[in-house]
Amino acid sequence: MAAEQDSAGGERLASDRVFGVIGGLLLLLGLVYLVRSFLPGGSDTGAGPAPAAAAVPALSIVSPSAGAELAQPAAVELDAGTALVAGPTGWTAEGRHLHLFAGGTELMATAAEMQHLGGTRYRWTLPRLPAGETTLRLAWSDERHRTIPEGASPTVPVRLR
């Protein structure tokens, strides 16, 4: 290989220069990628706008109504806004699963507790809960059981007997 003198008097091979140019190009490419990832649109490939994230279905409690007095075992009729499927993380839809908050108690329905009523409506028979005033609210959770605020139902105050 051809060698040349560098400014310090040492030899520098042509391959050193080639590897230096390749390394510089890789650094420049990494810098361009990093800058593009912080721009609006992220690391867009130029193929058009990124698809919007799927909207989180709105949950609603159809029954009981606010102020209802419920004998136990109580049932909640709900509209999930989408079809639910029984899975290993509870009743799921599009990577999310359903939780019910009854006061300070957080519940996930078992397969036996949920009944499909048609469309996106379901009846959830709750396990026995402490009697007294409480509130009911439905919310989606992710695979780590973290509550997803979007799509949660309004809170419904009830009295359990």
N, C-alpha and C. Protein backbone atom coordinates (compact mmCIF):
# COMPACT_ATOMS: atom_id res chain seq x y z
N MET A 1 0.84 -1.18 0.00
CA MET A 1 0.00 0.00 0.00
C MET A 1 0.87 1.23 0.00
N ALA A 2 0.34 2.26 -0.59
CA ALA A 2 1.09 3.51 -0.63
C ALA A 2 1.05 4.17 0.73
N ALA A 3 2.17 4.74 1.13
CA ALA A 3 2.25 5.43 2.41
C ALA A 3 2.64 6.87 2.15
N GLU A 4 2.25 7.75 3.02
CA GLU A 4 2.67 9.14 2.92
C GLU A 4 3.01 9.63 4.32
N GLN A 5 3.66 10.72 4.42
CA GLN A 5 4.06 11.28 5.70
C GLN A 5 2.95 12.18 6.23
N ASP A 6 2.64 12.05 7.54
CA ASP A 6 1.71 13.01 8.12
C ASP A 6 2.53 14.16 8.70
N SER A 7 1.90 15.17 9.23
CA SER A 7 2.60 16.36 9.69
C SER A 7 3.53 16.07 10.87
N ALA A 8 3.32 14.98 11.60
CA ALA A 8 4.18 14.63 12.73
C ALA A 8 5.35 13.78 12.29
N GLY A 9 5.45 13.49 11.04
CA GLY A 9 6.57 12.71 10.53
C GLY A 9 6.28 11.23 10.46
N GLY A 10 5.09 10.75 10.92
CA GLY A 10 4.76 9.33 10.86
C GLY A 10 4.15 8.96 9.52
N GLU A 11 4.05 7.69 9.26
CA GLU A 11 3.47 7.24 8.01
C GLU A 11 1.97 7.07 8.15
N ARG A 12 1.23 7.43 7.12
CA ARG A 12 -0.21 7.23 7.09
C ARG A 12 -0.53 6.47 5.82
N LEU A 13 -1.21 5.33 5.96
CA LEU A 13 -1.55 4.50 4.82
C LEU A 13 -2.80 5.05 4.13
N ALA A 14 -2.96 4.74 2.88
CA ALA A 14 -4.14 5.15 2.12
C ALA A 14 -5.39 4.53 2.73
N SER A 15 -5.29 3.33 3.29
CA SER A 15 -6.45 2.69 3.92
C SER A 15 -6.91 3.49 5.14
N ASP A 16 -5.96 4.12 5.86
CA ASP A 16 -6.34 4.96 7.00
C ASP A 16 -7.22 6.12 6.52
N ARG A 17 -6.86 6.69 5.41
CA ARG A 17 -7.62 7.81 4.86
C ARG A 17 -9.01 7.33 4.43
N VAL A 18 -9.12 6.15 3.80
CA VAL A 18 -10.40 5.61 3.37
C VAL A 18 -11.30 5.35 4.59
N PHE A 19 -10.73 4.71 5.62
CA PHE A 19 -11.52 4.45 6.83
C PHE A 19 -11.92 5.75 7.52
N GLY A 20 -11.08 6.74 7.48
CA GLY A 20 -11.41 8.05 8.06
C GLY A 20 -12.58 8.69 7.34
N VAL A 21 -12.59 8.61 6.02
CA VAL A 21 -13.69 9.17 5.23
C VAL A 21 -14.98 8.41 5.51
N ILE A 22 -14.92 7.08 5.57
CA ILE A 22 -16.11 6.27 5.86
C ILE A 22 -16.63 6.61 7.26
N GLY A 23 -15.75 6.70 8.24
CA GLY A 23 -16.16 7.05 9.60
C GLY A 23 -16.83 8.42 9.64
N GLY A 24 -16.26 9.38 8.92
CA GLY A 24 -16.84 10.72 8.88
C GLY A 24 -18.23 10.72 8.25
N LEU A 25 -18.40 9.95 7.18
CA LEU A 25 -19.71 9.85 6.53
C LEU A 25 -20.74 9.21 7.46
N LEU A 26 -20.34 8.17 8.20
CA LEU A 26 -21.25 7.53 9.14
C LEU A 26 -21.65 8.49 10.26
N LEU A 27 -20.69 9.26 10.76
CA LEU A 27 -21.02 10.26 11.78
C LEU A 27 -22.00 11.30 11.23
N LEU A 28 -21.78 11.75 10.01
CA LEU A 28 -22.67 12.73 9.38
C LEU A 28 -24.06 12.14 9.19
N LEU A 29 -24.14 10.89 8.75
CA LEU A 29 -25.43 10.24 8.57
C LEU A 29 -26.16 10.11 9.90
N GLY A 30 -25.46 9.72 10.96
CA GLY A 30 -26.06 9.63 12.29
C GLY A 30 -26.57 10.97 12.77
N LEU A 31 -25.83 12.03 12.51
CA LEU A 31 -26.24 13.38 12.89
C LEU A 31 -27.50 13.79 12.15
N VAL A 32 -27.57 13.51 10.86
CA VAL A 32 -28.77 13.82 10.06
C VAL A 32 -29.97 13.06 10.61
N TYR A 33 -29.81 11.78 10.91
CA TYR A 33 -30.91 10.97 11.46
C TYR A 33 -31.36 11.54 12.79
N LEU A 34 -30.43 11.91 13.65
CA LEU A 34 -30.75 12.46 14.96
C LEU A 34 -31.53 13.77 14.83
N VAL A 35 -31.07 14.66 13.98
CA VAL A 35 -31.76 15.94 13.78
C VAL A 35 -33.16 15.71 13.22
N ARG A 36 -33.31 14.82 12.26
CA ARG A 36 -34.64 14.55 11.66
C ARG A 36 -35.61 13.96 12.67
N SER A 37 -35.10 13.18 13.63
CA SER A 37 -35.99 12.57 14.62
C SER A 37 -36.59 13.61 15.55
N PHE A 38 -35.97 14.78 15.68
CA PHE A 38 -36.50 15.83 16.54
C PHE A 38 -37.37 16.83 15.79
N LEU A 39 -37.41 16.75 14.49
CA LEU A 39 -38.24 17.66 13.70
C LEU A 39 -39.69 17.20 13.73
N PRO A 40 -40.66 18.11 13.55
CA PRO A 40 -42.07 17.67 13.47
C PRO A 40 -42.21 16.62 12.39
N GLY A 41 -42.94 15.57 12.71
CA GLY A 41 -43.10 14.48 11.76
C GLY A 41 -42.14 13.35 12.02
N GLY A 42 -41.23 13.54 13.00
CA GLY A 42 -40.32 12.47 13.40
C GLY A 42 -39.40 12.05 12.29
N SER A 43 -39.12 10.78 12.20
CA SER A 43 -38.22 10.25 11.19
C SER A 43 -39.02 9.87 9.95
N ASP A 44 -39.77 10.82 9.45
CA ASP A 44 -40.60 10.63 8.28
C ASP A 44 -39.75 10.24 7.08
N THR A 45 -40.22 9.30 6.32
CA THR A 45 -39.47 8.82 5.16
C THR A 45 -39.82 9.58 3.90
N GLY A 46 -40.74 10.55 4.01
CA GLY A 46 -41.16 11.28 2.84
C GLY A 46 -42.31 10.61 2.13
N ALA A 47 -42.84 9.54 2.69
CA ALA A 47 -43.93 8.81 2.06
C ALA A 47 -45.29 9.40 2.42
N GLY A 48 -45.29 10.59 2.97
CA GLY A 48 -46.55 11.22 3.36
C GLY A 48 -46.66 11.26 4.86
N PRO A 49 -47.75 11.81 5.37
CA PRO A 49 -47.89 11.93 6.81
C PRO A 49 -48.03 10.57 7.48
N ALA A 50 -47.53 10.51 8.71
CA ALA A 50 -47.65 9.28 9.48
C ALA A 50 -49.11 9.03 9.81
N PRO A 51 -49.55 7.76 9.84
CA PRO A 51 -50.94 7.50 10.16
C PRO A 51 -51.24 7.93 11.59
N ALA A 52 -52.43 8.45 11.82
CA ALA A 52 -52.84 8.86 13.15
C ALA A 52 -53.03 7.63 14.02
N ALA A 53 -52.71 7.77 15.30
CA ALA A 53 -52.93 6.65 16.23
C ALA A 53 -54.42 6.37 16.30
N ALA A 54 -54.73 5.10 16.46
CA ALA A 54 -56.13 4.72 16.54
C ALA A 54 -56.77 5.41 17.74
N ALA A 55 -57.94 5.97 17.52
CA ALA A 55 -58.64 6.65 18.60
C ALA A 55 -59.01 5.65 19.68
N VAL A 56 -58.91 6.09 20.92
CA VAL A 56 -59.28 5.24 22.05
C VAL A 56 -60.80 5.24 22.15
N PRO A 57 -61.43 4.06 22.12
CA PRO A 57 -62.89 4.01 22.20
C PRO A 57 -63.40 4.57 23.53
N ALA A 58 -64.49 5.31 23.47
CA ALA A 58 -65.09 5.89 24.67
C ALA A 58 -65.91 4.83 25.40
N LEU A 59 -65.66 4.69 26.68
CA LEU A 59 -66.40 3.77 27.53
C LEU A 59 -67.56 4.51 28.19
N SER A 60 -68.68 3.83 28.35
CA SER A 60 -69.80 4.44 29.08
C SER A 60 -70.52 3.38 29.89
N ILE A 61 -71.00 3.82 31.05
CA ILE A 61 -71.82 2.96 31.90
C ILE A 61 -73.26 3.25 31.53
N VAL A 62 -73.95 2.25 30.96
CA VAL A 62 -75.34 2.38 30.53
C VAL A 62 -76.26 2.21 31.74
N SER A 63 -75.91 1.26 32.62
CA SER A 63 -76.69 0.97 33.82
C SER A 63 -75.73 0.44 34.87
N PRO A 64 -75.84 0.85 36.08
CA PRO A 64 -76.90 1.59 36.75
C PRO A 64 -76.76 3.09 36.50
N SER A 65 -77.82 3.81 36.78
CA SER A 65 -77.78 5.26 36.66
C SER A 65 -77.30 5.85 37.98
N ALA A 66 -76.90 7.12 37.94
CA ALA A 66 -76.41 7.80 39.13
C ALA A 66 -77.45 7.77 40.23
N GLY A 67 -77.02 7.44 41.45
CA GLY A 67 -77.89 7.41 42.61
C GLY A 67 -78.61 6.09 42.82
N ALA A 68 -78.41 5.11 41.95
CA ALA A 68 -79.10 3.82 42.06
C ALA A 68 -78.63 3.07 43.31
N GLU A 69 -79.55 2.28 43.87
CA GLU A 69 -79.22 1.40 44.98
C GLU A 69 -79.20 -0.01 44.43
N LEU A 70 -78.08 -0.70 44.61
CA LEU A 70 -77.88 -2.00 43.96
C LEU A 70 -77.76 -3.13 44.97
N ALA A 71 -78.54 -4.19 44.74
CA ALA A 71 -78.36 -5.42 45.50
C ALA A 71 -77.13 -6.13 44.94
N GLN A 72 -76.49 -6.94 45.76
CA GLN A 72 -75.31 -7.65 45.29
C GLN A 72 -75.62 -9.12 45.10
N PRO A 73 -75.04 -9.76 44.11
CA PRO A 73 -74.00 -9.23 43.24
C PRO A 73 -74.58 -8.23 42.24
N ALA A 74 -73.95 -7.09 42.15
CA ALA A 74 -74.39 -6.02 41.26
C ALA A 74 -73.88 -6.28 39.84
N ALA A 75 -74.58 -5.71 38.88
CA ALA A 75 -74.15 -5.82 37.48
C ALA A 75 -74.04 -4.42 36.89
N VAL A 76 -73.07 -4.25 36.02
CA VAL A 76 -72.88 -3.00 35.30
C VAL A 76 -73.07 -3.30 33.82
N GLU A 77 -73.99 -2.59 33.18
CA GLU A 77 -74.13 -2.70 31.73
C GLU A 77 -73.30 -1.57 31.14
N LEU A 78 -72.45 -1.92 30.20
CA LEU A 78 -71.53 -0.94 29.64
C LEU A 78 -71.52 -0.98 28.12
N ASP A 79 -71.12 0.13 27.56
CA ASP A 79 -70.86 0.20 26.12
C ASP A 79 -69.37 0.47 25.99
N ALA A 80 -68.66 -0.49 25.40
CA ALA A 80 -67.21 -0.39 25.27
C ALA A 80 -66.77 0.45 24.07
N GLY A 81 -67.70 0.79 23.20
CA GLY A 81 -67.34 1.57 22.02
C GLY A 81 -66.61 0.75 20.96
N THR A 82 -66.37 -0.51 21.25
CA THR A 82 -65.68 -1.42 20.34
C THR A 82 -65.95 -2.84 20.83
N ALA A 83 -65.70 -3.82 19.98
CA ALA A 83 -65.88 -5.22 20.38
C ALA A 83 -64.77 -5.62 21.34
N LEU A 84 -65.13 -6.39 22.36
CA LEU A 84 -64.16 -6.90 23.34
C LEU A 84 -63.91 -8.38 23.10
N VAL A 85 -62.72 -8.83 23.44
CA VAL A 85 -62.34 -10.22 23.31
C VAL A 85 -61.71 -10.65 24.64
N ALA A 86 -62.13 -11.79 25.17
CA ALA A 86 -61.51 -12.31 26.40
C ALA A 86 -60.11 -12.78 26.06
N GLY A 87 -59.13 -12.28 26.80
CA GLY A 87 -57.74 -12.64 26.56
C GLY A 87 -57.00 -12.82 27.86
N PRO A 88 -55.70 -13.08 27.79
CA PRO A 88 -54.91 -13.32 29.01
C PRO A 88 -54.81 -12.09 29.91
N THR A 89 -55.02 -10.89 29.38
CA THR A 89 -54.98 -9.69 30.21
C THR A 89 -56.38 -9.14 30.44
N GLY A 90 -57.38 -10.00 30.44
CA GLY A 90 -58.76 -9.55 30.66
C GLY A 90 -59.48 -9.34 29.35
N TRP A 91 -60.52 -8.52 29.40
CA TRP A 91 -61.31 -8.22 28.20
C TRP A 91 -60.61 -7.12 27.43
N THR A 92 -60.19 -7.43 26.21
CA THR A 92 -59.29 -6.55 25.48
C THR A 92 -59.91 -6.03 24.18
N ALA A 93 -59.30 -4.93 23.73
CA ALA A 93 -59.62 -4.33 22.43
C ALA A 93 -58.43 -3.50 22.00
N GLU A 94 -57.85 -3.84 20.87
CA GLU A 94 -56.77 -3.06 20.25
C GLU A 94 -55.61 -2.78 21.20
N GLY A 95 -55.17 -3.81 21.94
CA GLY A 95 -54.02 -3.67 22.81
C GLY A 95 -54.33 -3.09 24.18
N ARG A 96 -55.58 -2.77 24.44
CA ARG A 96 -55.98 -2.24 25.75
C ARG A 96 -56.91 -3.24 26.41
N HIS A 97 -57.03 -3.17 27.73
CA HIS A 97 -58.01 -4.02 28.40
C HIS A 97 -58.79 -3.20 29.41
N LEU A 98 -59.92 -3.74 29.80
CA LEU A 98 -60.92 -3.02 30.58
C LEU A 98 -60.72 -3.20 32.08
N HIS A 99 -60.80 -2.09 32.82
CA HIS A 99 -60.80 -2.10 34.28
C HIS A 99 -62.03 -1.35 34.75
N LEU A 100 -62.56 -1.75 35.90
CA LEU A 100 -63.65 -1.04 36.55
C LEU A 100 -63.15 -0.61 37.92
N PHE A 101 -63.38 0.65 38.25
CA PHE A 101 -63.02 1.18 39.55
C PHE A 101 -64.31 1.33 40.34
N ALA A 102 -64.40 0.62 41.46
CA ALA A 102 -65.56 0.71 42.36
C ALA A 102 -65.01 1.31 43.65
N GLY A 103 -65.12 2.64 43.76
CA GLY A 103 -64.49 3.31 44.89
C GLY A 103 -62.99 3.09 44.81
N GLY A 104 -62.40 2.53 45.87
CA GLY A 104 -60.97 2.27 45.89
C GLY A 104 -60.58 0.90 45.36
N THR A 105 -61.53 0.14 44.84
CA THR A 105 -61.26 -1.20 44.34
C THR A 105 -61.16 -1.18 42.81
N GLU A 106 -60.10 -1.78 42.29
CA GLU A 106 -59.90 -1.88 40.85
C GLU A 106 -60.13 -3.33 40.42
N LEU A 107 -61.01 -3.52 39.43
CA LEU A 107 -61.39 -4.87 39.01
C LEU A 107 -61.10 -5.10 37.54
N MET A 108 -60.82 -6.36 37.22
CA MET A 108 -60.76 -6.85 35.84
C MET A 108 -61.76 -7.99 35.75
N ALA A 109 -62.57 -8.00 34.70
CA ALA A 109 -63.59 -9.04 34.55
C ALA A 109 -62.98 -10.37 34.12
N THR A 110 -63.47 -11.44 34.73
CA THR A 110 -63.12 -12.78 34.28
C THR A 110 -64.05 -13.12 33.11
N ALA A 111 -63.75 -14.20 32.43
CA ALA A 111 -64.60 -14.62 31.30
C ALA A 111 -66.02 -14.89 31.76
N ALA A 112 -66.19 -15.46 32.97
CA ALA A 112 -67.52 -15.81 33.47
C ALA A 112 -68.32 -14.59 33.92
N GLU A 113 -67.64 -13.49 34.25
CA GLU A 113 -68.33 -12.30 34.75
C GLU A 113 -68.89 -11.40 33.64
N MET A 114 -68.42 -11.56 32.42
CA MET A 114 -68.82 -10.67 31.33
C MET A 114 -69.73 -11.40 30.37
N GLN A 115 -70.82 -10.74 30.02
CA GLN A 115 -71.78 -11.29 29.07
C GLN A 115 -71.95 -10.30 27.93
N HIS A 116 -71.80 -10.77 26.70
CA HIS A 116 -71.99 -9.92 25.52
C HIS A 116 -73.48 -9.75 25.26
N LEU A 117 -73.92 -8.52 25.16
CA LEU A 117 -75.34 -8.24 24.94
C LEU A 117 -75.65 -7.93 23.48
N GLY A 118 -74.63 -7.80 22.66
CA GLY A 118 -74.80 -7.46 21.25
C GLY A 118 -74.10 -6.15 20.95
N GLY A 119 -73.59 -6.03 19.74
CA GLY A 119 -72.87 -4.82 19.35
C GLY A 119 -71.66 -4.62 20.24
N THR A 120 -71.57 -3.44 20.85
CA THR A 120 -70.45 -3.14 21.74
C THR A 120 -70.90 -3.05 23.19
N ARG A 121 -72.07 -3.66 23.47
CA ARG A 121 -72.63 -3.63 24.84
C ARG A 121 -72.37 -4.95 25.55
N TYR A 122 -72.08 -4.82 26.87
CA TYR A 122 -71.73 -5.95 27.71
C TYR A 122 -72.35 -5.77 29.09
N ARG A 123 -72.58 -6.89 29.79
CA ARG A 123 -73.02 -6.87 31.19
C ARG A 123 -71.91 -7.51 32.01
N TRP A 124 -71.43 -6.77 33.00
CA TRP A 124 -70.36 -7.22 33.87
C TRP A 124 -70.96 -7.46 35.25
N THR A 125 -71.01 -8.73 35.69
CA THR A 125 -71.48 -9.08 37.02
C THR A 125 -70.30 -8.96 37.97
N LEU A 126 -70.42 -8.05 38.92
CA LEU A 126 -69.31 -7.74 39.82
C LEU A 126 -69.25 -8.72 40.98
N PRO A 127 -68.05 -8.96 41.50
CA PRO A 127 -67.94 -9.75 42.73
C PRO A 127 -68.52 -8.93 43.89
N ARG A 128 -68.75 -9.56 45.02
CA ARG A 128 -69.28 -8.85 46.18
C ARG A 128 -68.29 -7.76 46.61
N LEU A 129 -68.81 -6.56 46.81
CA LEU A 129 -68.01 -5.40 47.20
C LEU A 129 -68.52 -4.88 48.54
N PRO A 130 -67.73 -4.08 49.24
CA PRO A 130 -68.19 -3.51 50.50
C PRO A 130 -69.47 -2.70 50.30
N ALA A 131 -70.43 -2.88 51.21
CA ALA A 131 -71.70 -2.16 51.12
C ALA A 131 -71.48 -0.68 51.43
N GLY A 132 -72.36 0.14 50.87
CA GLY A 132 -72.32 1.56 51.15
C GLY A 132 -72.21 2.39 49.88
N GLU A 133 -72.01 3.69 50.08
CA GLU A 133 -71.86 4.63 48.97
C GLU A 133 -70.53 4.39 48.27
N THR A 134 -70.56 4.38 46.96
CA THR A 134 -69.32 4.23 46.18
C THR A 134 -69.53 4.86 44.81
N THR A 135 -68.52 4.84 44.01
CA THR A 135 -68.62 5.32 42.63
C THR A 135 -68.12 4.22 41.70
N LEU A 136 -68.65 4.22 40.50
CA LEU A 136 -68.23 3.27 39.46
C LEU A 136 -67.65 4.06 38.30
N ARG A 137 -66.55 3.58 37.76
CA ARG A 137 -65.93 4.21 36.59
C ARG A 137 -65.19 3.14 35.81
N LEU A 138 -65.33 3.18 34.49
CA LEU A 138 -64.61 2.27 33.58
C LEU A 138 -63.43 3.00 32.97
N ALA A 139 -62.34 2.27 32.76
CA ALA A 139 -61.18 2.86 32.09
C ALA A 139 -60.41 1.76 31.38
N TRP A 140 -59.71 2.15 30.33
CA TRP A 140 -58.80 1.25 29.63
C TRP A 140 -57.48 1.23 30.37
N SER A 141 -56.77 0.11 30.29
CA SER A 141 -55.43 -0.02 30.83
C SER A 141 -54.53 -0.64 29.77
N ASP A 142 -53.23 -0.34 29.89
CA ASP A 142 -52.28 -0.94 28.96
C ASP A 142 -51.81 -2.29 29.48
N GLU A 143 -50.85 -2.89 28.80
CA GLU A 143 -50.39 -4.24 29.17
C GLU A 143 -49.73 -4.27 30.55
N ARG A 144 -49.33 -3.12 31.08
CA ARG A 144 -48.74 -3.05 32.42
C ARG A 144 -49.78 -2.62 33.46
N HIS A 145 -51.03 -2.59 33.07
CA HIS A 145 -52.15 -2.21 33.93
C HIS A 145 -52.11 -0.74 34.33
N ARG A 146 -51.46 0.09 33.53
CA ARG A 146 -51.48 1.52 33.77
C ARG A 146 -52.75 2.08 33.12
N THR A 147 -53.47 2.90 33.87
CA THR A 147 -54.72 3.47 33.38
C THR A 147 -54.45 4.43 32.23
N ILE A 148 -55.26 4.32 31.19
CA ILE A 148 -55.21 5.22 30.05
C ILE A 148 -56.34 6.23 30.26
N PRO A 149 -56.03 7.51 30.47
CA PRO A 149 -57.09 8.48 30.77
C PRO A 149 -58.10 8.67 29.64
N GLU A 150 -57.64 8.58 28.40
CA GLU A 150 -58.54 8.75 27.26
C GLU A 150 -59.56 7.63 27.21
N GLY A 151 -60.79 7.97 26.95
CA GLY A 151 -61.83 6.97 26.77
C GLY A 151 -62.51 6.53 28.06
N ALA A 152 -62.04 7.00 29.23
CA ALA A 152 -62.65 6.58 30.51
C ALA A 152 -64.08 7.08 30.59
N SER A 153 -64.91 6.32 31.28
CA SER A 153 -66.31 6.72 31.46
C SER A 153 -66.42 7.78 32.55
N PRO A 154 -67.51 8.52 32.52
CA PRO A 154 -67.78 9.40 33.66
C PRO A 154 -68.04 8.55 34.91
N THR A 155 -67.80 9.12 36.07
CA THR A 155 -68.03 8.43 37.34
C THR A 155 -69.53 8.41 37.64
N VAL A 156 -70.01 7.25 38.11
CA VAL A 156 -71.43 7.08 38.45
C VAL A 156 -71.51 6.74 39.94
N PRO A 157 -72.10 7.65 40.77
CA PRO A 157 -72.25 7.34 42.19
C PRO A 157 -73.42 6.38 42.40
N VAL A 158 -73.21 5.34 43.22
CA VAL A 158 -74.24 4.34 43.52
C VAL A 158 -74.16 3.95 45.00
N ARG A 159 -75.16 3.22 45.45
CA ARG A 159 -75.14 2.66 46.81
C ARG A 159 -75.28 1.14 46.67
N LEU A 160 -74.32 0.43 47.27
CA LEU A 160 -74.34 -1.03 47.25
C LEU A 160 -74.93 -1.54 48.56
N ARG A 161 -75.88 -2.50 48.47
CA ARG A 161 -76.47 -3.12 49.68
C ARG A 161 -75.74 -4.39 50.01
